[in-house]
PDB file of N, CA and C in Angstrom:
ATOM      1  N   MET A   1       0.819  -1.198   0.000  1.00  0.00           N
ATOM      2  CA  MET A   1       0.000   0.000   0.000  1.00  0.00           C
ATOM      3  C   MET A   1       0.859   1.257   0.000  1.00  0.00           C
ATOM      4  N   SER A   2       2.083   1.167   0.472  1.00  0.00           N
ATOM      5  CA  SER A   2       2.925   2.362   0.572  1.00  0.00           C
ATOM      6  C   SER A   2       3.291   2.977  -0.774  1.00  0.00           C
ATOM      7  N   PRO A   3       3.413   2.221  -1.885  1.00  0.00           N
ATOM      8  CA  PRO A   3       3.705   2.909  -3.157  1.00  0.00           C
ATOM      9  C   PRO A   3       2.564   3.822  -3.622  1.00  0.00           C
ATOM     10  N   TYR A   4       1.352   3.566  -3.166  1.00  0.00           N
ATOM     11  CA  TYR A   4       0.203   4.340  -3.617  1.00  0.00           C
ATOM     12  C   TYR A   4      -0.116   5.526  -2.706  1.00  0.00           C
ATOM     13  N   ILE A   5       0.621   5.677  -1.627  1.00  0.00           N
ATOM     14  CA  ILE A   5       0.311   6.742  -0.677  1.00  0.00           C
ATOM     15  C   ILE A   5       0.496   8.123  -1.310  1.00  0.00           C
ATOM     16  N   GLY A   6       1.494   8.285  -2.172  1.00  0.00           N
ATOM     17  CA  GLY A   6       1.707   9.560  -2.861  1.00  0.00           C
ATOM     18  C   GLY A   6       0.552   9.909  -3.782  1.00  0.00           C
ATOM     19  N   ILE A   7       0.032   8.900  -4.473  1.00  0.00           N
ATOM     20  CA  ILE A   7      -1.104   9.126  -5.373  1.00  0.00           C
ATOM     21  C   ILE A   7      -2.340   9.520  -4.573  1.00  0.00           C
ATOM     22  N   VAL A   8      -2.555   8.855  -3.428  1.00  0.00           N
ATOM     23  CA  VAL A   8      -3.704   9.163  -2.588  1.00  0.00           C
ATOM     24  C   VAL A   8      -3.597  10.584  -2.035  1.00  0.00           C
ATOM     25  N   ILE A   9      -2.391  10.975  -1.619  1.00  0.00           N
ATOM     26  CA  ILE A   9      -2.189  12.331  -1.100  1.00  0.00           C
ATOM     27  C   ILE A   9      -2.436  13.360  -2.196  1.00  0.00           C
ATOM     28  N   LEU A  10      -1.921  13.123  -3.390  1.00  0.00           N
ATOM     29  CA  LEU A  10      -2.131  14.040  -4.510  1.00  0.00           C
ATOM     30  C   LEU A  10      -3.611  14.139  -4.879  1.00  0.00           C
ATOM     31  N   LEU A  11      -4.321  13.008  -4.855  1.00  0.00           N
ATOM     32  CA  LEU A  11      -5.753  13.008  -5.141  1.00  0.00           C
ATOM     33  C   LEU A  11      -6.518  13.799  -4.077  1.00  0.00           C
ATOM     34  N   ALA A  12      -6.122  13.667  -2.823  1.00  0.00           N
ATOM     35  CA  ALA A  12      -6.775  14.415  -1.744  1.00  0.00           C
ATOM     36  C   ALA A  12      -6.529  15.910  -1.888  1.00  0.00           C
ATOM     37  N   ILE A  13      -5.308  16.301  -2.245  1.00  0.00           N
ATOM     38  CA  ILE A  13      -4.998  17.723  -2.439  1.00  0.00           C
ATOM     39  C   ILE A  13      -5.797  18.284  -3.613  1.00  0.00           C
ATOM     40  N   ALA A  14      -5.867  17.535  -4.716  1.00  0.00           N
ATOM     41  CA  ALA A  14      -6.612  17.997  -5.893  1.00  0.00           C
ATOM     42  C   ALA A  14      -8.101  18.115  -5.574  1.00  0.00           C
ATOM     43  N   SER A  15      -8.661  17.144  -4.864  1.00  0.00           N
ATOM     44  CA  SER A  15     -10.081  17.200  -4.498  1.00  0.00           C
ATOM     45  C   SER A  15     -10.358  18.368  -3.562  1.00  0.00           C
ATOM     46  N   GLY A  16      -9.460  18.604  -2.619  1.00  0.00           N
ATOM     47  CA  GLY A  16      -9.614  19.744  -1.719  1.00  0.00           C
ATOM     48  C   GLY A  16      -9.563  21.065  -2.462  1.00  0.00           C
ATOM     49  N   PHE A  17      -8.663  21.172  -3.446  1.00  0.00           N
ATOM     50  CA  PHE A  17      -8.570  22.392  -4.243  1.00  0.00           C
ATOM     51  C   PHE A  17      -9.849  22.632  -5.036  1.00  0.00           C
ATOM     52  N   VAL A  18     -10.394  21.579  -5.627  1.00  0.00           N
ATOM     53  CA  VAL A  18     -11.632  21.709  -6.396  1.00  0.00           C
ATOM     54  C   VAL A  18     -12.778  22.143  -5.488  1.00  0.00           C
ATOM     55  N   ALA A  19     -12.908  21.495  -4.335  1.00  0.00           N
ATOM     56  CA  ALA A  19     -13.987  21.841  -3.403  1.00  0.00           C
ATOM     57  C   ALA A  19     -13.837  23.277  -2.905  1.00  0.00           C
ATOM     58  N   LEU A  20     -12.609  23.686  -2.584  1.00  0.00           N
ATOM     59  CA  LEU A  20     -12.372  25.045  -2.104  1.00  0.00           C
ATOM     60  C   LEU A  20     -12.677  26.075  -3.187  1.00  0.00           C
ATOM     61  N   THR A  21     -12.303  25.794  -4.424  1.00  0.00           N
ATOM     62  CA  THR A  21     -12.563  26.719  -5.528  1.00  0.00           C
ATOM     63  C   THR A  21     -14.059  26.878  -5.782  1.00  0.00           C
ATOM     64  N   ILE A  22     -14.790  25.773  -5.783  1.00  0.00           N
ATOM     65  CA  ILE A  22     -16.236  25.848  -6.013  1.00  0.00           C
ATOM     66  C   ILE A  22     -16.918  26.586  -4.870  1.00  0.00           C
ATOM     67  N   LEU A  23     -16.542  26.278  -3.641  1.00  0.00           N
ATOM     68  CA  LEU A  23     -17.135  26.941  -2.491  1.00  0.00           C
ATOM     69  C   LEU A  23     -16.837  28.440  -2.498  1.00  0.00           C
ATOM     70  N   THR A  24     -15.610  28.813  -2.833  1.00  0.00           N
ATOM     71  CA  THR A  24     -15.241  30.225  -2.889  1.00  0.00           C
ATOM     72  C   THR A  24     -16.036  30.961  -3.963  1.00  0.00           C
ATOM     73  N   SER A  25     -16.215  30.356  -5.129  1.00  0.00           N
ATOM     74  CA  SER A  25     -16.961  31.023  -6.196  1.00  0.00           C
ATOM     75  C   SER A  25     -18.426  31.190  -5.832  1.00  0.00           C
ATOM     76  N   VAL A  26     -18.988  30.235  -5.095  1.00  0.00           N
ATOM     77  CA  VAL A  26     -20.384  30.361  -4.678  1.00  0.00           C
ATOM     78  C   VAL A  26     -20.540  31.459  -3.633  1.00  0.00           C
ATOM     79  N   LEU A  27     -19.605  31.551  -2.705  1.00  0.00           N
ATOM     80  CA  LEU A  27     -19.711  32.531  -1.624  1.00  0.00           C
ATOM     81  C   LEU A  27     -19.349  33.946  -2.061  1.00  0.00           C
ATOM     82  N   VAL A  28     -18.330  34.089  -2.895  1.00  0.00           N
ATOM     83  CA  VAL A  28     -17.813  35.408  -3.249  1.00  0.00           C
ATOM     84  C   VAL A  28     -18.442  35.957  -4.526  1.00  0.00           C
ATOM     85  N   GLY A  29     -18.821  35.094  -5.452  1.00  0.00           N
ATOM     86  CA  GLY A  29     -19.312  35.528  -6.757  1.00  0.00           C
ATOM     87  C   GLY A  29     -20.632  36.267  -6.673  1.00  0.00           C
ATOM     88  N   PRO A  30     -20.898  37.127  -7.665  1.00  0.00           N
ATOM     89  CA  PRO A  30     -22.153  37.874  -7.669  1.00  0.00           C
ATOM     90  C   PRO A  30     -23.337  36.951  -7.934  1.00  0.00           C
ATOM     91  N   GLY A  31     -24.451  37.254  -7.321  1.00  0.00           N
ATOM     92  CA  GLY A  31     -25.635  36.426  -7.477  1.00  0.00           C
ATOM     93  C   GLY A  31     -26.771  37.154  -8.148  1.00  0.00           C
ATOM     94  N   ARG A  32     -26.474  37.965  -9.128  1.00  0.00           N
ATOM     95  CA  ARG A  32     -27.504  38.719  -9.839  1.00  0.00           C
ATOM     96  C   ARG A  32     -27.995  37.910 -11.035  1.00  0.00           C
ATOM     97  N   TYR A  33     -29.067  37.198 -10.871  1.00  0.00           N
ATOM     98  CA  TYR A  33     -29.611  36.396 -11.959  1.00  0.00           C
ATOM     99  C   TYR A  33     -30.834  37.111 -12.526  1.00  0.00           C
ATOM    100  N   ASN A  34     -30.845  37.229 -13.843  1.00  0.00           N
ATOM    101  CA  ASN A  34     -31.982  37.858 -14.507  1.00  0.00           C
ATOM    102  C   ASN A  34     -32.261  37.131 -15.809  1.00  0.00           C
ATOM    103  N   ARG A  35     -33.267  37.575 -16.529  1.00  0.00           N
ATOM    104  CA  ARG A  35     -33.679  36.897 -17.760  1.00  0.00           C
ATOM    105  C   ARG A  35     -32.581  36.942 -18.824  1.00  0.00           C
ATOM    106  N   ALA A  36     -31.861  38.060 -18.913  1.00  0.00           N
ATOM    107  CA  ALA A  36     -30.817  38.201 -19.929  1.00  0.00           C
ATOM    108  C   ALA A  36     -29.671  37.222 -19.678  1.00  0.00           C
ATOM    109  N   LYS A  37     -29.423  36.903 -18.425  1.00  0.00           N
ATOM    110  CA  LYS A  37     -28.334  35.989 -18.109  1.00  0.00           C
ATOM    111  C   LYS A  37     -28.666  34.555 -18.524  1.00  0.00           C
ATOM    112  N   TYR A  38     -29.936  34.188 -18.434  1.00  0.00           N
ATOM    113  CA  TYR A  38     -30.354  32.835 -18.792  1.00  0.00           C
ATOM    114  C   TYR A  38     -30.729  32.698 -20.263  1.00  0.00           C
ATOM    115  N   ASP A  39     -30.781  33.791 -20.997  1.00  0.00           N
ATOM    116  CA  ASP A  39     -31.162  33.758 -22.399  1.00  0.00           C
ATOM    117  C   ASP A  39     -29.981  33.278 -23.236  1.00  0.00           C
ATOM    118  N   SER A  40     -30.267  32.613 -24.348  1.00  0.00           N
ATOM    119  CA  SER A  40     -29.182  32.147 -25.213  1.00  0.00           C
ATOM    120  C   SER A  40     -28.543  33.341 -25.930  1.00  0.00           C
ATOM    121  N   TYR A  41     -27.274  33.204 -26.241  1.00  0.00           N
ATOM    122  CA  TYR A  41     -26.522  34.303 -26.851  1.00  0.00           C
ATOM    123  C   TYR A  41     -26.081  33.898 -28.243  1.00  0.00           C
ATOM    124  N   GLU A  42     -26.419  34.689 -29.232  1.00  0.00           N
ATOM    125  CA  GLU A  42     -26.060  34.404 -30.622  1.00  0.00           C
ATOM    126  C   GLU A  42     -25.319  35.590 -31.212  1.00  0.00           C
ATOM    127  N   CYS A  43     -24.123  35.840 -30.773  1.00  0.00           N
ATOM    128  CA  CYS A  43     -23.238  36.867 -31.325  1.00  0.00           C
ATOM    129  C   CYS A  43     -23.860  38.262 -31.310  1.00  0.00           C
ATOM    130  N   GLY A  44     -24.579  38.603 -30.282  1.00  0.00           N
ATOM    131  CA  GLY A  44     -25.153  39.925 -30.174  1.00  0.00           C
ATOM    132  C   GLY A  44     -26.449  40.109 -30.916  1.00  0.00           C
ATOM    133  N   ILE A  45     -26.916  39.104 -31.615  1.00  0.00           N
ATOM    134  CA  ILE A  45     -28.175  39.172 -32.353  1.00  0.00           C
ATOM    135  C   ILE A  45     -29.272  38.595 -31.467  1.00  0.00           C
ATOM    136  N   GLU A  46     -30.460  39.145 -31.574  1.00  0.00           N
ATOM    137  CA  GLU A  46     -31.576  38.591 -30.810  1.00  0.00           C
ATOM    138  C   GLU A  46     -31.788  37.136 -31.206  1.00  0.00           C
ATOM    139  N   PRO A  47     -31.890  36.235 -30.227  1.00  0.00           N
ATOM    140  CA  PRO A  47     -32.062  34.821 -30.561  1.00  0.00           C
ATOM    141  C   PRO A  47     -33.383  34.562 -31.282  1.00  0.00           C
ATOM    142  N   THR A  48     -33.317  33.692 -32.260  1.00  0.00           N
ATOM    143  CA  THR A  48     -34.521  33.344 -33.006  1.00  0.00           C
ATOM    144  C   THR A  48     -35.273  32.255 -32.255  1.00  0.00           C
ATOM    145  N   PRO A  49     -36.588  32.263 -32.323  1.00  0.00           N
ATOM    146  CA  PRO A  49     -37.340  31.212 -31.620  1.00  0.00           C
ATOM    147  C   PRO A  49     -37.081  29.854 -32.263  1.00  0.00           C
ATOM    148  N   GLN A  50     -36.881  28.859 -31.428  1.00  0.00           N
ATOM    149  CA  GLN A  50     -36.619  27.500 -31.898  1.00  0.00           C
ATOM    150  C   GLN A  50     -37.878  26.651 -31.771  1.00  0.00           C
ATOM    151  N   PRO A  51     -38.049  25.674 -32.659  1.00  0.00           N
ATOM    152  CA  PRO A  51     -39.186  24.758 -32.513  1.00  0.00           C
ATOM    153  C   PRO A  51     -39.065  23.951 -31.219  1.00  0.00           C
ATOM    154  N   VAL A  52     -40.169  23.347 -30.822  1.00  0.00           N
ATOM    155  CA  VAL A  52     -40.210  22.614 -29.563  1.00  0.00           C
ATOM    156  C   VAL A  52     -39.207  21.465 -29.559  1.00  0.00           C
ATOM    157  N   GLY A  53     -39.089  20.736 -30.656  1.00  0.00           N
ATOM    158  CA  GLY A  53     -38.168  19.606 -30.726  1.00  0.00           C
ATOM    159  C   GLY A  53     -36.723  20.018 -30.918  1.00  0.00           C
ATOM    160  N   GLY A  54     -36.422  21.286 -31.048  1.00  0.00           N
ATOM    161  CA  GLY A  54     -35.068  21.750 -31.250  1.00  0.00           C
ATOM    162  C   GLY A  54     -34.716  21.983 -32.704  1.00  0.00           C
ATOM    163  N   GLY A  55     -35.585  21.643 -33.613  1.00  0.00           N
ATOM    164  CA  GLY A  55     -35.319  21.860 -35.026  1.00  0.00           C
ATOM    165  C   GLY A  55     -34.522  20.717 -35.629  1.00  0.00           C
ATOM    166  N   ARG A  56     -34.407  20.721 -36.939  1.00  0.00           N
ATOM    167  CA  ARG A  56     -33.674  19.677 -37.637  1.00  0.00           C
ATOM    168  C   ARG A  56     -32.441  20.264 -38.288  1.00  0.00           C
ATOM    169  N   PHE A  57     -31.334  19.565 -38.173  1.00  0.00           N
ATOM    170  CA  PHE A  57     -30.105  19.952 -38.834  1.00  0.00           C
ATOM    171  C   PHE A  57     -29.991  19.185 -40.142  1.00  0.00           C
ATOM    172  N   PRO A  58     -29.414  19.812 -41.158  1.00  0.00           N
ATOM    173  CA  PRO A  58     -29.181  19.062 -42.397  1.00  0.00           C
ATOM    174  C   PRO A  58     -28.209  17.903 -42.165  1.00  0.00           C
ATOM    175  N   VAL A  59     -28.364  16.855 -42.949  1.00  0.00           N
ATOM    176  CA  VAL A  59     -27.544  15.662 -42.804  1.00  0.00           C
ATOM    177  C   VAL A  59     -26.080  15.967 -43.099  1.00  0.00           C
ATOM    178  N   LYS A  60     -25.803  17.004 -43.862  1.00  0.00           N
ATOM    179  CA  LYS A  60     -24.422  17.345 -44.212  1.00  0.00           C
ATOM    180  C   LYS A  60     -23.588  17.657 -42.976  1.00  0.00           C
ATOM    181  N   TYR A  61     -24.212  18.190 -41.926  1.00  0.00           N
ATOM    182  CA  TYR A  61     -23.475  18.440 -40.690  1.00  0.00           C
ATOM    183  C   TYR A  61     -22.967  17.124 -40.105  1.00  0.00           C
ATOM    184  N   TYR A  62     -23.819  16.128 -40.107  1.00  0.00           N
ATOM    185  CA  TYR A  62     -23.436  14.834 -39.538  1.00  0.00           C
ATOM    186  C   TYR A  62     -22.386  14.142 -40.400  1.00  0.00           C
ATOM    187  N   ILE A  63     -22.513  14.261 -41.709  1.00  0.00           N
ATOM    188  CA  ILE A  63     -21.525  13.647 -42.605  1.00  0.00           C
ATOM    189  C   ILE A  63     -20.162  14.289 -42.390  1.00  0.00           C
ATOM    190  N   THR A  64     -20.122  15.597 -42.271  1.00  0.00           N
ATOM    191  CA  THR A  64     -18.851  16.282 -42.038  1.00  0.00           C
ATOM    192  C   THR A  64     -18.274  15.893 -40.682  1.00  0.00           C
ATOM    193  N   ALA A  65     -19.115  15.790 -39.668  1.00  0.00           N
ATOM    194  CA  ALA A  65     -18.630  15.378 -38.348  1.00  0.00           C
ATOM    195  C   ALA A  65     -18.068  13.968 -38.403  1.00  0.00           C
ATOM    196  N   MET A  66     -18.743  13.070 -39.087  1.00  0.00           N
ATOM    197  CA  MET A  66     -18.238  11.696 -39.213  1.00  0.00           C
ATOM    198  C   MET A  66     -16.934  11.667 -40.001  1.00  0.00           C
ATOM    199  N   LEU A  67     -16.800  12.529 -40.982  1.00  0.00           N
ATOM    200  CA  LEU A  67     -15.561  12.595 -41.748  1.00  0.00           C
ATOM    201  C   LEU A  67     -14.402  13.034 -40.861  1.00  0.00           C
ATOM    202  N   PHE A  68     -14.636  14.021 -39.991  1.00  0.00           N
ATOM    203  CA  PHE A  68     -13.589  14.430 -39.053  1.00  0.00           C
ATOM    204  C   PHE A  68     -13.230  13.305 -38.102  1.00  0.00           C
ATOM    205  N   ILE A  69     -14.218  12.548 -37.644  1.00  0.00           N
ATOM    206  CA  ILE A  69     -13.944  11.423 -36.751  1.00  0.00           C
ATOM    207  C   ILE A  69     -13.118  10.369 -37.467  1.00  0.00           C
ATOM    208  N   VAL A  70     -13.434  10.089 -38.719  1.00  0.00           N
ATOM    209  CA  VAL A  70     -12.653   9.099 -39.487  1.00  0.00           C
ATOM    210  C   VAL A  70     -11.202   9.549 -39.615  1.00  0.00           C
ATOM    211  N   PHE A  71     -10.977  10.824 -39.891  1.00  0.00           N
ATOM    212  CA  PHE A  71      -9.599  11.292 -40.009  1.00  0.00           C
ATOM    213  C   PHE A  71      -8.882  11.294 -38.663  1.00  0.00           C
ATOM    214  N   ASP A  72      -9.605  11.544 -37.583  1.00  0.00           N
ATOM    215  CA  ASP A  72      -8.984  11.440 -36.264  1.00  0.00           C
ATOM    216  C   ASP A  72      -8.568  10.008 -35.965  1.00  0.00           C
ATOM    217  N   ILE A  73      -9.420   9.059 -36.293  1.00  0.00           N
ATOM    218  CA  ILE A  73      -9.077   7.653 -36.082  1.00  0.00           C
ATOM    219  C   ILE A  73      -7.902   7.262 -36.966  1.00  0.00           C
ATOM    220  N   GLU A  74      -7.855   7.806 -38.160  1.00  0.00           N
ATOM    221  CA  GLU A  74      -6.725   7.525 -39.043  1.00  0.00           C
ATOM    222  C   GLU A  74      -5.421   8.001 -38.426  1.00  0.00           C
ATOM    223  N   ILE A  75      -5.429   9.183 -37.824  1.00  0.00           N
ATOM    224  CA  ILE A  75      -4.225   9.696 -37.172  1.00  0.00           C
ATOM    225  C   ILE A  75      -3.826   8.808 -36.003  1.00  0.00           C
ATOM    226  N   VAL A  76      -4.809   8.299 -35.260  1.00  0.00           N
ATOM    227  CA  VAL A  76      -4.513   7.418 -34.128  1.00  0.00           C
ATOM    228  C   VAL A  76      -3.800   6.161 -34.617  1.00  0.00           C
ATOM    229  N   PHE A  77      -4.158   5.652 -35.777  1.00  0.00           N
ATOM    230  CA  PHE A  77      -3.494   4.463 -36.305  1.00  0.00           C
ATOM    231  C   PHE A  77      -2.169   4.790 -37.000  1.00  0.00           C
ATOM    232  N   LEU A  78      -2.071   5.964 -37.609  1.00  0.00           N
ATOM    233  CA  LEU A  78      -0.852   6.306 -38.340  1.00  0.00           C
ATOM    234  C   LEU A  78       0.305   6.708 -37.434  1.00  0.00           C
ATOM    235  N   TYR A  79       0.028   7.326 -36.296  1.00  0.00           N
ATOM    236  CA  TYR A  79       1.105   7.821 -35.438  1.00  0.00           C
ATOM    237  C   TYR A  79       1.995   6.692 -34.896  1.00  0.00           C
ATOM    238  N   PRO A  80       1.434   5.640 -34.300  1.00  0.00           N
ATOM    239  CA  PRO A  80       2.322   4.560 -33.835  1.00  0.00           C
ATOM    240  C   PRO A  80       3.046   3.874 -34.983  1.00  0.00           C
ATOM    241  N   TRP A  81       2.378   3.785 -36.128  1.00  0.00           N
ATOM    242  CA  TRP A  81       3.021   3.159 -37.280  1.00  0.00           C
ATOM    243  C   TRP A  81       4.222   3.989 -37.724  1.00  0.00           C
ATOM    244  N   ALA A  82       4.092   5.293 -37.714  1.00  0.00           N
ATOM    245  CA  ALA A  82       5.189   6.156 -38.139  1.00  0.00           C
ATOM    246  C   ALA A  82       6.343   6.115 -37.140  1.00  0.00           C
ATOM    247  N   VAL A  83       6.035   5.967 -35.857  1.00  0.00           N
ATOM    248  CA  VAL A  83       7.086   5.925 -34.842  1.00  0.00           C
ATOM    249  C   VAL A  83       7.898   4.643 -34.948  1.00  0.00           C
ATOM    250  N   ALA A  84       7.232   3.518 -35.184  1.00  0.00           N
ATOM    251  CA  ALA A  84       7.921   2.220 -35.227  1.00  0.00           C
ATOM    252  C   ALA A  84       8.025   1.696 -36.652  1.00  0.00           C
ATOM    253  N   PHE A  85       8.174   2.556 -37.622  1.00  0.00           N
ATOM    254  CA  PHE A  85       8.184   2.143 -39.023  1.00  0.00           C
ATOM    255  C   PHE A  85       9.345   1.205 -39.344  1.00  0.00           C
ATOM    256  N   ASP A  86      10.534   1.481 -38.816  1.00  0.00           N
ATOM    257  CA  ASP A  86      11.712   0.667 -39.131  1.00  0.00           C
ATOM    258  C   ASP A  86      11.593  -0.753 -38.597  1.00  0.00           C
ATOM    259  N   LEU A  87      10.864  -0.950 -37.528  1.00  0.00           N
ATOM    260  CA  LEU A  87      10.765  -2.262 -36.899  1.00  0.00           C
ATOM    261  C   LEU A  87       9.737  -3.168 -37.562  1.00  0.00           C
ATOM    262  N   MET A  88       8.797  -2.616 -38.303  1.00  0.00           N
ATOM    263  CA  MET A  88       7.674  -3.409 -38.809  1.00  0.00           C
ATOM    264  C   MET A  88       7.916  -4.048 -40.166  1.00  0.00           C
ATOM    265  N   GLY A  89       8.635  -3.422 -41.033  1.00  0.00           N
ATOM    266  CA  GLY A  89       8.939  -4.037 -42.314  1.00  0.00           C
ATOM    267  C   GLY A  89       7.905  -3.777 -43.396  1.00  0.00           C
ATOM    268  N   THR A  90       7.977  -4.606 -44.438  1.00  0.00           N
ATOM    269  CA  THR A  90       7.162  -4.426 -45.636  1.00  0.00           C
ATOM    270  C   THR A  90       5.687  -4.721 -45.387  1.00  0.00           C
ATOM    271  N   PHE A  91       5.406  -5.698 -44.525  1.00  0.00           N
ATOM    272  CA  PHE A  91       4.011  -6.048 -44.253  1.00  0.00           C
ATOM    273  C   PHE A  91       3.248  -4.841 -43.703  1.00  0.00           C
ATOM    274  N   ALA A  92       3.845  -4.128 -42.780  1.00  0.00           N
ATOM    275  CA  ALA A  92       3.194  -2.952 -42.194  1.00  0.00           C
ATOM    276  C   ALA A  92       3.005  -1.858 -43.243  1.00  0.00           C
ATOM    277  N   LEU A  93       3.974  -1.712 -44.150  1.00  0.00           N
ATOM    278  CA  LEU A  93       3.843  -0.716 -45.207  1.00  0.00           C
ATOM    279  C   LEU A  93       2.647  -1.030 -46.106  1.00  0.00           C
ATOM    280  N   VAL A  94       2.500  -2.294 -46.501  1.00  0.00           N
ATOM    281  CA  VAL A  94       1.374  -2.690 -47.348  1.00  0.00           C
ATOM    282  C   VAL A  94       0.052  -2.492 -46.604  1.00  0.00           C
ATOM    283  N   GLU A  95       0.011  -2.850 -45.326  1.00  0.00           N
ATOM    284  CA  GLU A  95      -1.217  -2.677 -44.545  1.00  0.00           C
ATOM    285  C   GLU A  95      -1.600  -1.207 -44.433  1.00  0.00           C
ATOM    286  N   MET A  96      -0.629  -0.323 -44.231  1.00  0.00           N
ATOM    287  CA  MET A  96      -0.930   1.098 -44.127  1.00  0.00           C
ATOM    288  C   MET A  96      -1.388   1.670 -45.466  1.00  0.00           C
ATOM    289  N   ILE A  97      -0.817   1.204 -46.545  1.00  0.00           N
ATOM    290  CA  ILE A  97      -1.264   1.658 -47.866  1.00  0.00           C
ATOM    291  C   ILE A  97      -2.717   1.242 -48.096  1.00  0.00           C
ATOM    292  N   LEU A  98      -3.075   0.024 -47.708  1.00  0.00           N
ATOM    293  CA  LEU A  98      -4.463  -0.428 -47.841  1.00  0.00           C
ATOM    294  C   LEU A  98      -5.397   0.382 -46.944  1.00  0.00           C
ATOM    295  N   PHE A  99      -4.955   0.670 -45.714  1.00  0.00           N
ATOM    296  CA  PHE A  99      -5.771   1.445 -44.786  1.00  0.00           C
ATOM    297  C   PHE A  99      -5.994   2.859 -45.303  1.00  0.00           C
ATOM    298  N   ILE A 100      -4.930   3.523 -45.738  1.00  0.00           N
ATOM    299  CA  ILE A 100      -5.056   4.887 -46.252  1.00  0.00           C
ATOM    300  C   ILE A 100      -5.887   4.893 -47.535  1.00  0.00           C
ATOM    301  N   GLY A 101      -5.730   3.866 -48.350  1.00  0.00           N
ATOM    302  CA  GLY A 101      -6.546   3.762 -49.560  1.00  0.00           C
ATOM    303  C   GLY A 101      -8.028   3.662 -49.237  1.00  0.00           C
ATOM    304  N   ALA A 102      -8.375   2.846 -48.246  1.00  0.00           N
ATOM    305  CA  ALA A 102      -9.784   2.708 -47.860  1.00  0.00           C
ATOM    306  C   ALA A 102     -10.340   4.021 -47.320  1.00  0.00           C
ATOM    307  N   VAL A 103      -9.540   4.742 -46.544  1.00  0.00           N
ATOM    308  CA  VAL A 103      -9.998   6.021 -46.002  1.00  0.00           C
ATOM    309  C   VAL A 103     -10.207   7.037 -47.128  1.00  0.00           C
ATOM    310  N   PHE A 104      -9.294   7.090 -48.077  1.00  0.00           N
ATOM    311  CA  PHE A 104      -9.438   8.058 -49.161  1.00  0.00           C
ATOM    312  C   PHE A 104     -10.547   7.679 -50.133  1.00  0.00           C
ATOM    313  N   ILE A 105     -10.825   6.397 -50.287  1.00  0.00           N
ATOM    314  CA  ILE A 105     -11.974   5.998 -51.105  1.00  0.00           C
ATOM    315  C   ILE A 105     -13.256   6.515 -50.461  1.00  0.00           C
ATOM    316  N   ALA A 106     -13.354   6.383 -49.144  1.00  0.00           N
ATOM    317  CA  ALA A 106     -14.527   6.912 -48.433  1.00  0.00           C
ATOM    318  C   ALA A 106     -14.598   8.432 -48.549  1.00  0.00           C
ATOM    319  N   TYR A 107     -13.450   9.097 -48.453  1.00  0.00           N
ATOM    320  CA  TYR A 107     -13.414  10.557 -48.575  1.00  0.00           C
ATOM    321  C   TYR A 107     -13.875  11.002 -49.964  1.00  0.00           C
ATOM    322  N   PHE A 108     -13.376  10.364 -51.001  1.00  0.00           N
ATOM    323  CA  PHE A 108     -13.776  10.747 -52.353  1.00  0.00           C
ATOM    324  C   PHE A 108     -15.240  10.406 -52.629  1.00  0.00           C
ATOM    325  N   TYR A 109     -15.755   9.361 -51.978  1.00  0.00           N
ATOM    326  CA  TYR A 109     -17.176   9.042 -52.106  1.00  0.00           C
ATOM    327  C   TYR A 109     -18.027  10.173 -51.537  1.00  0.00           C
ATOM    328  N   VAL A 110     -17.654  10.637 -50.342  1.00  0.00           N
ATOM    329  CA  VAL A 110     -18.394  11.742 -49.718  1.00  0.00           C
ATOM    330  C   VAL A 110     -18.250  13.005 -50.559  1.00  0.00           C
ATOM    331  N   LEU A 111     -17.068  13.259 -51.071  1.00  0.00           N
ATOM    332  CA  LEU A 111     -16.837  14.442 -51.892  1.00  0.00           C
ATOM    333  C   LEU A 111     -17.657  14.385 -53.174  1.00  0.00           C
ATOM    334  N   ARG A 112     -17.722  13.227 -53.814  1.00  0.00           N
ATOM    335  CA  ARG A 112     -18.464  13.073 -55.060  1.00  0.00           C
ATOM    336  C   ARG A 112     -19.977  13.189 -54.833  1.00  0.00           C
ATOM    337  N   ARG A 113     -20.455  12.717 -53.679  1.00  0.00           N
ATOM    338  CA  ARG A 113     -21.894  12.786 -53.362  1.00  0.00           C
ATOM    339  C   ARG A 113     -22.331  14.161 -52.926  1.00  0.00           C
ATOM    340  N   GLY A 114     -21.376  15.090 -52.771  1.00  0.00           N
ATOM    341  CA  GLY A 114     -21.726  16.468 -52.390  1.00  0.00           C
ATOM    342  C   GLY A 114     -21.849  16.662 -50.896  1.00  0.00           C
ATOM    343  N   GLY A 115     -21.244  15.799 -50.119  1.00  0.00           N
ATOM    344  CA  GLY A 115     -21.325  15.914 -48.669  1.00  0.00           C
ATOM    345  C   GLY A 115     -20.580  17.105 -48.108  1.00  0.00           C
ATOM    346  N   LEU A 116     -19.655  17.672 -48.875  1.00  0.00           N
ATOM    347  CA  LEU A 116     -18.887  18.803 -48.402  1.00  0.00           C
ATOM    348  C   LEU A 116     -19.327  20.113 -49.037  1.00  0.00           C
ATOM    349  N   ASP A 117     -20.367  20.102 -49.835  1.00  0.00           N
ATOM    350  CA  ASP A 117     -20.910  21.326 -50.428  1.00  0.00           C
ATOM    351  C   ASP A 117     -21.876  21.955 -49.441  1.00  0.00           C
ATOM    352  N   TRP A 118     -21.641  23.219 -49.083  1.00  0.00           N
ATOM    353  CA  TRP A 118     -22.450  23.868 -48.058  1.00  0.00           C
ATOM    354  C   TRP A 118     -23.540  24.764 -48.657  1.00  0.00           C
ATOM    355  N   ASP A 119     -23.754  24.722 -49.923  1.00  0.00           N
ATOM    356  CA  ASP A 119     -24.786  25.559 -50.532  1.00  0.00           C
ATOM    357  C   ASP A 119     -26.131  24.899 -50.486  1.00  0.00           C
TER     358      ASP A 119
END
């Protein structure tokens, strides 16, 4: 148990700091709540009324978000491969070429279908 005592002490200090900060902000901070404070803010423009269900977003937003997620996952796989490239050999090179090819085929499919056109 003694190797973990430092971690427990650090966790206790961090928790105490968080509790003290929250308590201080509640006690010292201003408590002037009004309608303008709870209203949504849209760059200084009066907010437009929203439908009850929240409205519908075009599917292009979701396609673009999924495209960013795919590229993030690609980076997660490419970074370790690039770090240990010398150790893996030709098999890893062929696998990465196939992986990047599959990702770019999906990218060009979305591009051809107009998923990135915002008009």
